[in-house]
Amino acid sequence: MAHFTPAKDMPFIDPASVLPTQRGLFYGGAWHDAQDGKTFGITSPGNGQSLGAVADASTADVDAAVASARAAFPGWRDTAPLERARLLRRMAQIVRDNARELALLDALDCGNPAAAMVGDAAIAVAQIDFFAGLVTEMKGSSIPMGPDRLNTSVREPLGVVARIVPFNHPFMFAAGKSAAPLAAGNTIIVKPPEQAPLSALRLAELLADLFPPGVFNVVTGAGRETGQALVAHPHTDSVALIGSVGAGQGVMRSAAERVKPLLLELGGKNALIALPDADPLEVADAMIAGMNFAWCGQSCGSTSRAFLHESLHDAVIEALLQRIVRFRPGRPEDWSTTMGAIISAPQHARILRYIDTAKAEGATLVAGGKVPDSEDTKEGLFIEPTVFTGVTQEMTIAREEIFGPILAVLKWSDEEALLRDVNSVDVGLTCAIWTNDLSAALRISASVDVGYVWVNEVSRHFLGAPFGGVKLSGLGREECLTELMSFTREKNIHIRYGKRAV
């Protein structure tokens, strides 16, 4: 998700033309106002301008959406798997046909660069096509029981799935993360982020006539009421969340009452480890790519702690400072922009506090650390790509997930102490290891307490490879057959078909 090329020659698209016409709640194949008439406003983080208002769903609205999804479930469950696959492939084509407009809409809404958001649309398409191709893989198994008996298991969909998605990749998650539940035969209710809900509404507009009414639904809401109502609802059968550790813990508490299955991808404080034999130039490139500076570091998989061996530390930093200038904050809707805006004013202020804290704790600022003052950024929420050296694991910026463009660089010499520092945090999502020593790569891969490891690679995801974390970074695995299976349940069927035993 970190690698993209700014599209300087992209044809002009009027930003106003990509905004969704519908601003209500989409369920049962139709649009509805919130029952109490409440709405909430959306502001573009790139320029501070209003993008209008959307419906603010109450518990009563969630009840109506869940009832619609539940009514649609039997018909969708009984739809032949290959027919579900056909409709999903049609969904992928619709996204493909509207990719540039959807990218621009997300740029306006969440602040990430439009050129990067085109890549998000492509990832969503790939995920939809991938799960469409797996519909016949939801297989059970048979168990030998001797003559006159058959024992077999079958896979069944769960029912109504609530998908709660975050603000950093709003369209990619709303579209791509709907694929596995739908492929498995579930109906789905998407709860988009309150900071950036517009692309999910536009997706609902595009898909309004594709699926049977009630199969695909979108409810928007500010604050916690909408999400909590979906999680706790007696007729939602599974909840999948991408979000913070705190949000995941809240979902688990609410879901525990009805023992609902959960799929949680939560936060990370991820390490990039450079061994002495690594190429300093490659490591510098990897540090920039792994930080997802285009997204202002707003990614749970960002490698925001870089552990550099003392023998190559200075060479890497020199190369890093030469390369980081490629990322200059700019208006997200400009196709040539390489680094976008921070999602909200509270998050912007929070990141600046982390910068001040790092200085106060003794870290050395070697790049960025300021709010840019260029003409095209003065109205938005921007922060320069920021790098601190001289960081120790006890410092705040090495322990807490910032979700901002701050890279903490730590120097190491002893492998045992290195691994102790890497594993000292309560989260464990990803790790990137840079070395040409296969034995060292395998040894450290086995020692880091995370769910996903890259060796001589960073940030990229690969469909079919299970992605997910350990410790407080979540439950379950995504982007693979396991994700599809997580939206099914196994039923065992035992048949005696011979003569009755005496």
Protein backbone atom coordinates (compact mmCIF):
# COMPACT_ATOMS: atom_id res chain seq x y z
CA MET A 1 0.00 0.00 0.00
CA ALA A 2 2.99 2.31 0.30
CA HIS A 3 4.18 2.24 -3.30
CA PHE A 4 2.58 4.52 -5.87
CA THR A 5 3.52 6.93 -8.61
CA PRO A 6 2.00 10.43 -8.64
CA ALA A 7 -0.09 10.88 -11.78
CA LYS A 8 0.96 14.29 -13.01
CA ASP A 9 -0.86 14.01 -16.34
CA MET A 10 -4.17 12.70 -15.00
CA PRO A 11 -7.14 14.34 -16.78
CA PHE A 12 -8.91 16.97 -14.71
CA ILE A 13 -11.95 15.81 -12.76
CA ASP A 14 -14.12 18.40 -11.08
CA PRO A 15 -14.01 17.48 -7.37
CA ALA A 16 -17.63 18.52 -6.90
CA SER A 17 -18.70 15.97 -9.52
CA VAL A 18 -17.55 12.97 -7.48
CA LEU A 19 -19.50 13.71 -4.31
CA PRO A 20 -22.35 11.28 -3.64
CA THR A 21 -25.85 12.53 -4.34
CA GLN A 22 -27.36 10.40 -1.59
CA ARG A 23 -26.47 11.29 2.00
CA GLY A 24 -28.83 8.98 3.90
CA LEU A 25 -28.72 5.41 5.14
CA PHE A 26 -28.78 2.62 2.57
CA TYR A 27 -30.58 -0.56 3.57
CA GLY A 28 -33.21 -2.80 2.05
CA GLY A 29 -32.16 -1.58 -1.39
CA ALA A 30 -33.37 1.97 -0.67
CA TRP A 31 -32.21 5.24 0.88
CA HIS A 32 -33.56 6.45 4.20
CA ASP A 33 -33.15 9.54 6.35
CA ALA A 34 -32.25 8.97 9.98
CA GLN A 35 -35.51 8.43 11.85
CA ASP A 36 -34.81 11.34 14.19
CA GLY A 37 -33.60 13.52 11.32
CA LYS A 38 -30.09 13.92 12.72
CA THR A 39 -27.07 14.53 10.48
CA PHE A 40 -23.41 15.35 10.99
CA GLY A 41 -21.04 17.43 8.89
CA ILE A 42 -17.98 16.31 6.94
CA THR A 43 -14.93 18.54 6.52
CA SER A 44 -12.11 18.01 4.03
CA PRO A 45 -8.80 17.79 5.92
CA GLY A 46 -6.93 19.09 2.89
CA ASN A 47 -8.56 22.52 2.83
CA GLY A 48 -10.90 22.76 5.79
CA GLN A 49 -13.95 23.15 3.56
CA SER A 50 -17.30 21.52 4.19
CA LEU A 51 -18.25 18.46 2.15
CA GLY A 52 -21.83 18.57 3.38
CA ALA A 53 -23.69 16.43 5.89
CA VAL A 54 -24.72 12.78 6.11
CA ALA A 55 -27.29 10.90 8.16
CA ASP A 56 -26.45 10.11 11.78
CA ALA A 57 -27.93 6.67 12.47
CA SER A 58 -29.52 6.03 15.85
CA THR A 59 -30.16 2.67 17.48
CA ALA A 60 -33.60 2.66 15.83
CA ASP A 61 -31.98 3.09 12.42
CA VAL A 62 -29.59 0.25 13.13
CA ASP A 63 -32.55 -1.92 14.10
CA ALA A 64 -34.16 -1.19 10.73
CA ALA A 65 -30.97 -1.90 8.79
CA VAL A 66 -30.34 -5.16 10.64
CA ALA A 67 -33.94 -6.27 10.08
CA SER A 68 -33.51 -5.63 6.37
CA ALA A 69 -30.23 -7.54 6.20
CA ARG A 70 -31.71 -10.41 8.20
CA ALA A 71 -34.74 -10.64 5.92
CA ALA A 72 -32.44 -10.81 2.89
CA PHE A 73 -30.15 -13.45 4.37
CA PRO A 74 -32.06 -16.65 3.49
CA GLY A 75 -32.31 -15.74 -0.17
CA TRP A 76 -28.63 -14.75 -0.42
CA ARG A 77 -27.53 -17.83 1.56
CA ASP A 78 -29.42 -20.04 -0.88
CA THR A 79 -28.08 -18.27 -3.97
CA ALA A 80 -25.76 -20.64 -5.81
CA PRO A 81 -22.12 -19.90 -4.96
CA LEU A 82 -21.15 -19.33 -8.58
CA GLU A 83 -23.98 -16.83 -8.94
CA ARG A 84 -22.70 -14.97 -5.89
CA ALA A 85 -19.28 -15.03 -7.53
CA ARG A 86 -20.73 -13.60 -10.75
CA LEU A 87 -22.26 -10.67 -8.89
CA LEU A 88 -19.05 -10.04 -6.99
CA ARG A 89 -17.09 -9.92 -10.24
CA ARG A 90 -19.63 -7.43 -11.53
CA MET A 91 -19.02 -5.40 -8.36
CA ALA A 92 -15.29 -5.49 -9.06
CA GLN A 93 -15.88 -4.19 -12.58
CA ILE A 94 -18.03 -1.34 -11.28
CA VAL A 95 -15.24 -0.32 -8.92
CA ARG A 96 -12.70 -0.62 -11.73
CA ASP A 97 -14.79 1.57 -14.01
CA ASN A 98 -15.09 4.29 -11.36
CA ALA A 99 -11.64 4.06 -9.81
CA ARG A 100 -10.40 7.59 -10.54
CA GLU A 101 -13.57 9.25 -9.32
CA LEU A 102 -13.60 7.14 -6.17
CA ALA A 103 -9.93 7.94 -5.56
CA LEU A 104 -10.59 11.64 -5.84
CA LEU A 105 -13.55 11.37 -3.50
CA ASP A 106 -11.43 9.64 -0.86
CA ALA A 107 -8.72 12.26 -1.32
CA LEU A 108 -11.21 15.01 -0.56
CA ASP A 109 -12.76 13.11 2.33
CA CYS A 110 -9.84 11.50 4.19
CA GLY A 111 -6.89 13.59 3.02
CA ASN A 112 -4.80 10.90 1.34
CA PRO A 113 -3.35 11.74 -2.10
CA ALA A 114 -5.63 10.98 -5.04
CA ALA A 115 -2.87 9.14 -6.88
CA ALA A 116 -2.44 6.81 -3.92
CA MET A 117 -6.17 6.27 -3.68
CA VAL A 118 -6.25 4.92 -7.23
CA GLY A 119 -4.05 2.16 -5.88
CA ASP A 120 -6.55 1.61 -3.09
CA ALA A 121 -9.31 1.09 -5.64
CA ALA A 122 -7.13 -1.43 -7.47
CA ILE A 123 -6.53 -3.33 -4.22
CA ALA A 124 -10.27 -3.41 -3.53
CA VAL A 125 -10.88 -4.82 -7.02
CA ALA A 126 -8.24 -7.50 -6.47
CA GLN A 127 -9.77 -8.51 -3.14
CA ILE A 128 -13.26 -8.77 -4.59
CA ASP A 129 -12.06 -10.88 -7.52
CA PHE A 130 -9.98 -13.03 -5.17
CA PHE A 131 -12.88 -13.95 -2.91
CA ALA A 132 -15.22 -14.42 -5.86
CA GLY A 133 -12.80 -17.12 -6.99
CA LEU A 134 -12.92 -18.89 -3.63
CA VAL A 135 -16.66 -19.51 -3.37
CA THR A 136 -16.26 -23.22 -4.13
CA GLU A 137 -13.51 -23.61 -1.53
CA MET A 138 -15.86 -23.42 1.47
CA LYS A 139 -15.57 -27.15 1.86
CA GLY A 140 -16.31 -29.49 4.70
CA SER A 141 -14.87 -32.96 5.18
CA SER A 142 -15.99 -36.53 5.70
CA ILE A 143 -14.96 -38.79 8.54
CA PRO A 144 -14.84 -42.58 8.04
CA MET A 145 -17.35 -44.31 10.34
CA GLY A 146 -17.46 -47.80 8.90
CA PRO A 147 -20.21 -49.40 6.81
CA ASP A 148 -23.74 -48.05 6.65
CA ARG A 149 -22.79 -44.66 8.06
CA LEU A 150 -21.80 -41.33 6.59
CA ASN A 151 -20.33 -38.52 8.68
CA THR A 152 -19.66 -35.25 6.93
CA SER A 153 -19.29 -31.58 7.74
CA VAL A 154 -20.57 -28.62 5.74
CA ARG A 155 -19.84 -24.91 5.81
CA GLU A 156 -22.69 -22.44 6.29
CA PRO A 157 -22.70 -18.62 6.33
CA LEU A 158 -23.17 -16.93 9.69
CA GLY A 159 -25.97 -14.49 8.84
CA VAL A 160 -25.67 -10.71 9.18
CA VAL A 161 -22.10 -9.39 9.32
CA ALA A 162 -21.26 -5.92 10.64
CA ARG A 163 -18.12 -4.46 9.05
CA ILE A 164 -16.69 -1.39 10.81
CA VAL A 165 -13.95 0.29 8.78
CA PRO A 166 -11.41 3.05 9.59
CA PHE A 167 -10.57 6.38 7.99
CA ASN A 168 -7.15 5.66 6.49
CA HIS A 169 -8.36 3.59 3.52
CA PRO A 170 -12.12 4.19 3.63
CA PHE A 171 -13.11 3.04 0.16
CA MET A 172 -10.67 0.15 -0.08
CA PHE A 173 -11.97 -1.28 3.19
CA ALA A 174 -15.66 -0.60 2.51
CA ALA A 175 -15.47 -2.38 -0.84
CA GLY A 176 -12.68 -4.94 -0.46
CA LYS A 177 -13.61 -6.05 3.03
CA SER A 178 -17.19 -6.71 1.96
CA ALA A 179 -16.05 -9.41 -0.44
CA ALA A 180 -15.39 -12.31 1.92
CA PRO A 181 -18.66 -12.04 3.89
CA LEU A 182 -20.70 -11.72 0.69
CA ALA A 183 -18.87 -14.56 -1.04
CA ALA A 184 -19.60 -16.81 1.94
CA GLY A 185 -23.34 -16.08 1.67
CA ASN A 186 -23.74 -13.51 4.44
CA THR A 187 -25.50 -10.20 4.18
CA ILE A 188 -23.47 -7.20 5.31
CA ILE A 189 -23.84 -3.83 6.98
CA VAL A 190 -20.88 -1.50 6.45
CA LYS A 191 -20.27 1.20 9.05
CA PRO A 192 -17.85 3.68 7.42
CA PRO A 193 -15.67 6.02 9.48
CA GLU A 194 -17.40 9.15 10.71
CA GLN A 195 -14.45 11.23 9.47
CA ALA A 196 -14.67 9.92 5.90
CA PRO A 197 -17.98 8.23 5.03
CA LEU A 198 -18.59 9.60 1.56
CA SER A 199 -16.92 6.90 -0.55
CA ALA A 200 -18.97 4.17 1.16
CA LEU A 201 -22.13 6.11 0.30
CA ARG A 202 -20.95 6.46 -3.29
CA LEU A 203 -20.28 2.71 -3.35
CA ALA A 204 -23.85 2.10 -2.21
CA GLU A 205 -25.08 4.33 -5.05
CA LEU A 206 -23.05 2.32 -7.55
CA LEU A 207 -24.20 -1.04 -6.21
CA ALA A 208 -27.83 -0.11 -5.53
CA ASP A 209 -29.20 -2.32 -8.30
CA LEU A 210 -26.58 -5.08 -8.25
CA PHE A 211 -27.40 -7.17 -5.19
CA PRO A 212 -30.84 -8.20 -3.97
CA PRO A 213 -32.29 -5.63 -1.54
CA GLY A 214 -30.83 -5.97 1.94
CA VAL A 215 -27.71 -7.90 0.94
CA PHE A 216 -25.37 -4.88 0.95
CA ASN A 217 -26.13 -2.04 3.37
CA VAL A 218 -24.38 1.11 4.60
CA VAL A 219 -25.15 3.02 7.79
CA THR A 220 -23.29 6.19 8.78
CA GLY A 221 -23.02 7.60 12.26
CA ALA A 222 -20.98 9.99 14.39
CA GLY A 223 -19.78 9.09 17.84
CA ARG A 224 -20.14 5.60 19.24
CA GLU A 225 -23.88 4.93 19.17
CA THR A 226 -24.10 3.49 15.65
CA GLY A 227 -21.14 1.15 15.98
CA GLN A 228 -22.10 0.01 19.46
CA ALA A 229 -25.64 -0.70 18.32
CA LEU A 230 -24.36 -2.86 15.47
CA VAL A 231 -21.97 -4.80 17.69
CA ALA A 232 -24.46 -5.42 20.48
CA HIS A 233 -27.47 -6.09 18.26
CA PRO A 234 -28.99 -9.52 18.89
CA HIS A 235 -29.37 -10.14 15.16
CA THR A 236 -25.88 -9.30 13.93
CA ASP A 237 -24.07 -12.61 13.83
CA SER A 238 -20.46 -11.51 13.41
CA VAL A 239 -18.45 -8.30 13.72
CA ALA A 240 -15.29 -7.41 11.82
CA LEU A 241 -13.36 -4.30 12.81
CA ILE A 242 -10.24 -2.56 11.58
CA GLY A 243 -9.32 0.07 14.13
CA SER A 244 -7.47 0.96 17.30
CA VAL A 245 -6.72 -1.38 20.18
CA GLY A 246 -9.22 0.49 22.33
CA ALA A 247 -11.93 0.13 19.71
CA GLY A 248 -11.23 -3.59 19.42
CA GLN A 249 -11.41 -4.06 23.17
CA GLY A 250 -14.75 -2.24 23.21
CA VAL A 251 -16.09 -4.49 20.46
CA MET A 252 -15.01 -7.60 22.34
CA ARG A 253 -16.77 -6.47 25.49
CA SER A 254 -20.01 -5.76 23.62
CA ALA A 255 -19.87 -8.94 21.55
CA ALA A 256 -19.19 -11.12 24.58
CA GLU A 257 -22.81 -10.90 25.72
CA ARG A 258 -23.89 -13.01 22.74
CA VAL A 259 -20.55 -14.77 22.15
CA LYS A 260 -20.25 -13.44 18.61
CA PRO A 261 -17.33 -14.43 16.41
CA LEU A 262 -14.99 -11.50 15.76
CA LEU A 263 -12.35 -10.55 13.21
CA LEU A 264 -10.16 -7.76 14.54
CA GLU A 265 -7.23 -5.99 12.87
CA LEU A 266 -5.99 -3.50 15.42
CA GLY A 267 -3.00 -1.28 16.05
CA GLY A 268 0.70 -1.82 15.60
CA LYS A 269 4.03 -0.37 16.67
CA ASN A 270 5.98 -2.13 14.00
CA ALA A 271 9.73 -2.60 13.74
CA LEU A 272 12.05 -2.45 10.77
CA ILE A 273 15.30 -4.21 11.61
CA ALA A 274 18.47 -3.63 9.58
CA LEU A 275 21.29 -6.13 10.13
CA PRO A 276 24.97 -5.21 9.57
CA ASP A 277 25.15 -6.76 6.09
CA ALA A 278 22.14 -4.86 4.70
CA ASP A 279 22.58 -2.30 1.92
CA PRO A 280 22.19 1.18 3.49
CA LEU A 281 20.51 2.59 0.40
CA GLU A 282 17.95 -0.21 0.28
CA VAL A 283 17.29 0.19 3.99
CA ALA A 284 16.73 3.93 3.59
CA ASP A 285 14.21 3.28 0.80
CA ALA A 286 12.52 0.65 2.93
CA MET A 287 12.23 2.97 5.93
CA ILE A 288 10.44 5.55 3.82
CA ALA A 289 8.20 3.02 2.11
CA GLY A 290 7.43 1.26 5.37
CA MET A 291 6.37 4.49 7.06
CA ASN A 292 3.64 5.09 4.47
CA PHE A 293 4.47 8.79 4.35
CA ALA A 294 2.02 9.29 1.47
CA TRP A 295 -0.71 8.48 4.02
CA CYS A 296 1.07 10.61 6.66
CA GLY A 297 1.95 7.42 8.49
CA GLN A 298 -1.73 6.75 9.13
CA SER A 299 -1.47 2.99 8.73
CA CYS A 300 -1.55 0.22 11.33
CA GLY A 301 1.19 -1.59 9.41
CA SER A 302 3.64 1.35 9.29
CA THR A 303 7.14 0.41 10.42
CA SER A 304 7.44 3.42 12.72
CA ARG A 305 10.40 2.01 14.69
CA ALA A 306 13.59 1.52 12.65
CA PHE A 307 16.31 -0.47 14.43
CA LEU A 308 19.59 0.19 12.59
CA HIS A 309 22.77 -1.67 13.41
CA GLU A 310 25.42 0.76 14.61
CA SER A 311 27.76 -0.14 11.71
CA LEU A 312 25.37 1.22 9.08
CA HIS A 313 23.32 3.73 11.09
CA ASP A 314 24.98 6.90 9.81
CA ALA A 315 25.03 5.82 6.16
CA VAL A 316 21.35 4.93 6.29
CA ILE A 317 20.38 8.25 7.87
CA GLU A 318 22.36 10.17 5.24
CA ALA A 319 20.56 8.33 2.44
CA LEU A 320 17.20 8.67 4.20
CA LEU A 321 17.47 12.45 4.41
CA GLN A 322 18.23 12.63 0.69
CA ARG A 323 15.17 10.55 -0.17
CA ILE A 324 12.58 11.89 2.23
CA VAL A 325 12.36 15.20 0.34
CA ARG A 326 10.26 13.38 -2.27
CA PHE A 327 7.38 13.54 0.19
CA ARG A 328 6.04 17.06 0.37
CA PRO A 329 2.61 17.72 1.86
CA GLY A 330 0.15 19.07 -0.67
CA ARG A 331 -3.49 19.30 -1.63
CA PRO A 332 -4.82 15.73 -1.72
CA GLU A 333 -6.98 16.29 -4.81
CA ASP A 334 -3.90 17.29 -6.85
CA TRP A 335 -2.79 14.18 -8.77
CA SER A 336 0.89 15.15 -8.36
CA THR A 337 0.74 15.32 -4.56
CA THR A 338 3.06 12.85 -2.81
CA MET A 339 1.91 13.32 0.81
CA GLY A 340 -1.56 14.11 2.05
CA ALA A 341 -3.24 15.59 5.10
CA ILE A 342 -3.94 14.39 8.64
CA ILE A 343 -7.51 13.15 9.05
CA SER A 344 -8.76 15.60 11.71
CA ALA A 345 -7.82 18.56 13.85
CA PRO A 346 -7.67 16.47 17.08
CA GLN A 347 -5.35 13.96 15.44
CA HIS A 348 -3.22 16.79 14.01
CA ALA A 349 -2.82 18.30 17.48
CA ARG A 350 -2.07 14.86 18.96
CA ILE A 351 0.78 14.24 16.50
CA LEU A 352 2.32 17.64 17.24
CA ARG A 353 2.25 16.79 20.95
CA TYR A 354 4.20 13.61 20.22
CA ILE A 355 6.82 15.69 18.39
CA ASP A 356 7.15 18.01 21.38
CA THR A 357 7.35 15.02 23.75
CA ALA A 358 10.10 13.39 21.68
CA LYS A 359 12.18 16.57 21.83
CA ALA A 360 11.61 16.88 25.57
CA GLU A 361 12.67 13.26 26.15
CA GLY A 362 15.97 13.79 24.32
CA ALA A 363 15.40 12.44 20.81
CA THR A 364 17.19 14.29 17.98
CA LEU A 365 15.00 15.77 15.24
CA VAL A 366 16.75 15.30 11.89
CA ALA A 367 13.87 15.90 9.47
CA GLY A 368 10.50 17.63 9.47
CA GLY A 369 8.69 18.18 12.71
CA LYS A 370 6.80 21.26 11.56
CA VAL A 371 3.52 22.32 10.00
CA PRO A 372 4.30 23.37 6.40
CA ASP A 373 3.56 26.96 5.46
CA SER A 374 3.21 26.67 1.69
CA GLU A 375 0.32 28.37 -0.09
CA ASP A 376 -1.50 25.13 -0.91
CA THR A 377 -1.30 23.73 2.62
CA LYS A 378 -2.16 26.69 4.82
CA GLU A 379 -5.88 25.83 5.10
CA GLY A 380 -5.42 22.12 5.74
CA LEU A 381 -4.12 19.72 8.38
CA PHE A 382 -0.55 18.98 7.31
CA ILE A 383 2.66 17.91 9.05
CA GLU A 384 6.04 17.38 7.41
CA PRO A 385 7.53 13.87 7.28
CA THR A 386 9.38 13.66 10.57
CA VAL A 387 12.38 11.61 11.64
CA PHE A 388 13.97 11.34 15.08
CA THR A 389 17.31 9.66 15.79
CA GLY A 390 18.85 8.89 19.16
CA VAL A 391 15.61 7.21 20.21
CA THR A 392 15.55 4.60 22.95
CA GLN A 393 12.79 2.09 23.56
CA GLU A 394 11.81 3.85 26.78
CA MET A 395 10.81 7.01 24.89
CA THR A 396 7.14 7.65 24.21
CA ILE A 397 7.50 7.71 20.42
CA ALA A 398 9.01 4.21 20.54
CA ARG A 399 6.26 2.76 22.73
CA GLU A 400 2.96 4.27 21.56
CA GLU A 401 1.22 4.07 18.19
CA ILE A 402 1.11 7.64 16.89
CA PHE A 403 -0.70 7.12 13.60
CA GLY A 404 1.21 10.00 12.12
CA PRO A 405 4.31 10.74 10.00
CA ILE A 406 6.87 10.21 12.79
CA LEU A 407 9.69 7.72 12.31
CA ALA A 408 11.70 6.76 15.40
CA VAL A 409 15.24 5.51 14.68
CA LEU A 410 16.97 3.32 17.27
CA LYS A 411 20.60 2.17 17.10
CA TRP A 412 21.49 -1.38 18.15
CA SER A 413 24.55 -3.62 18.50
CA ASP A 414 23.46 -6.63 20.58
CA GLU A 415 20.88 -8.97 19.05
CA GLU A 416 19.45 -10.15 22.36
CA ALA A 417 18.83 -6.58 23.50
CA LEU A 418 17.41 -5.74 20.07
CA LEU A 419 14.81 -8.49 20.24
CA ARG A 420 13.92 -7.54 23.79
CA ASP A 421 13.19 -3.99 22.63
CA VAL A 422 11.30 -5.09 19.52
CA ASN A 423 9.03 -7.38 21.54
CA SER A 424 8.57 -5.03 24.50
CA VAL A 425 5.36 -3.42 23.19
CA ASP A 426 1.90 -4.86 23.76
CA VAL A 427 1.06 -5.03 20.05
CA GLY A 428 2.46 -7.33 17.40
CA LEU A 429 1.30 -6.75 13.84
CA THR A 430 4.23 -6.59 11.39
CA CYS A 431 8.01 -6.58 11.22
CA ALA A 432 10.44 -6.01 8.34
CA ILE A 433 13.93 -7.55 8.42
CA TRP A 434 16.74 -6.46 6.08
CA THR A 435 19.67 -8.83 5.63
CA ASN A 436 21.36 -11.12 3.11
CA ASP A 437 22.06 -13.71 5.80
CA LEU A 438 19.39 -16.40 5.47
CA SER A 439 20.14 -17.93 8.87
CA ALA A 440 19.81 -14.55 10.58
CA ALA A 441 16.59 -13.80 8.70
CA LEU A 442 15.00 -17.07 9.79
CA ARG A 443 16.27 -16.75 13.36
CA ILE A 444 14.90 -13.24 13.83
CA SER A 445 11.65 -14.05 11.99
CA ALA A 446 11.06 -16.80 14.55
CA SER A 447 11.92 -14.50 17.46
CA VAL A 448 9.82 -11.42 16.73
CA ASP A 449 6.39 -11.59 18.34
CA VAL A 450 4.26 -10.47 15.39
CA GLY A 451 1.79 -11.96 12.93
CA TYR A 452 3.35 -10.86 9.62
CA VAL A 453 7.05 -10.67 8.70
CA TRP A 454 8.75 -9.28 5.62
CA VAL A 455 12.37 -10.10 4.77
CA ASN A 456 13.96 -7.64 2.35
CA GLU A 457 10.50 -6.25 1.63
CA VAL A 458 8.16 -3.91 3.43
CA SER A 459 4.57 -2.73 3.46
CA ARG A 460 3.31 -4.90 0.61
CA HIS A 461 0.39 -7.28 1.05
CA PHE A 462 -0.06 -10.44 -1.00
CA LEU A 463 -3.47 -11.95 -1.62
CA GLY A 464 -3.53 -15.47 -0.26
CA ALA A 465 -0.94 -14.70 2.43
CA PRO A 466 -2.67 -14.41 5.83
CA PHE A 467 -2.42 -10.92 7.32
CA GLY A 468 -3.09 -10.22 10.99
CA GLY A 469 -1.53 -9.63 14.36
CA VAL A 470 -0.83 -11.17 17.74
CA LYS A 471 -1.09 -9.79 21.29
CA LEU A 472 -3.23 -6.63 21.24
CA SER A 473 -2.99 -6.32 17.45
CA GLY A 474 -6.09 -8.41 16.90
CA LEU A 475 -7.74 -11.74 16.19
CA GLY A 476 -7.97 -13.74 12.98
CA ARG A 477 -6.36 -13.47 9.57
CA GLU A 478 -7.42 -11.59 6.45
CA GLU A 479 -6.66 -11.52 2.71
CA CYS A 480 -6.67 -15.33 2.49
CA LEU A 481 -8.93 -18.37 2.56
CA THR A 482 -9.01 -18.14 6.37
CA GLU A 483 -10.81 -14.80 6.11
CA LEU A 484 -13.52 -16.40 3.99
CA MET A 485 -13.85 -19.30 6.42
CA SER A 486 -14.15 -16.91 9.37
CA PHE A 487 -17.53 -15.84 8.01
CA THR A 488 -18.80 -19.42 8.01
CA ARG A 489 -19.60 -22.01 10.65
CA GLU A 490 -19.09 -25.74 10.49
CA LYS A 491 -21.99 -28.13 10.86
CA ASN A 492 -21.54 -31.88 11.27
CA ILE A 493 -24.09 -34.28 9.77
CA HIS A 494 -24.14 -37.97 10.75
CA ILE A 495 -26.26 -40.37 8.70
CA ARG A 496 -26.94 -44.03 9.38
CA TYR A 497 -28.34 -45.48 6.20
CA GLY A 498 -27.98 -49.23 6.75
CA LYS A 499 -30.01 -51.62 8.84
CA ARG A 500 -30.81 -50.57 12.38
CA ALA A 501 -28.32 -52.00 14.84
CA VAL A 502 -29.73 -54.65 17.23
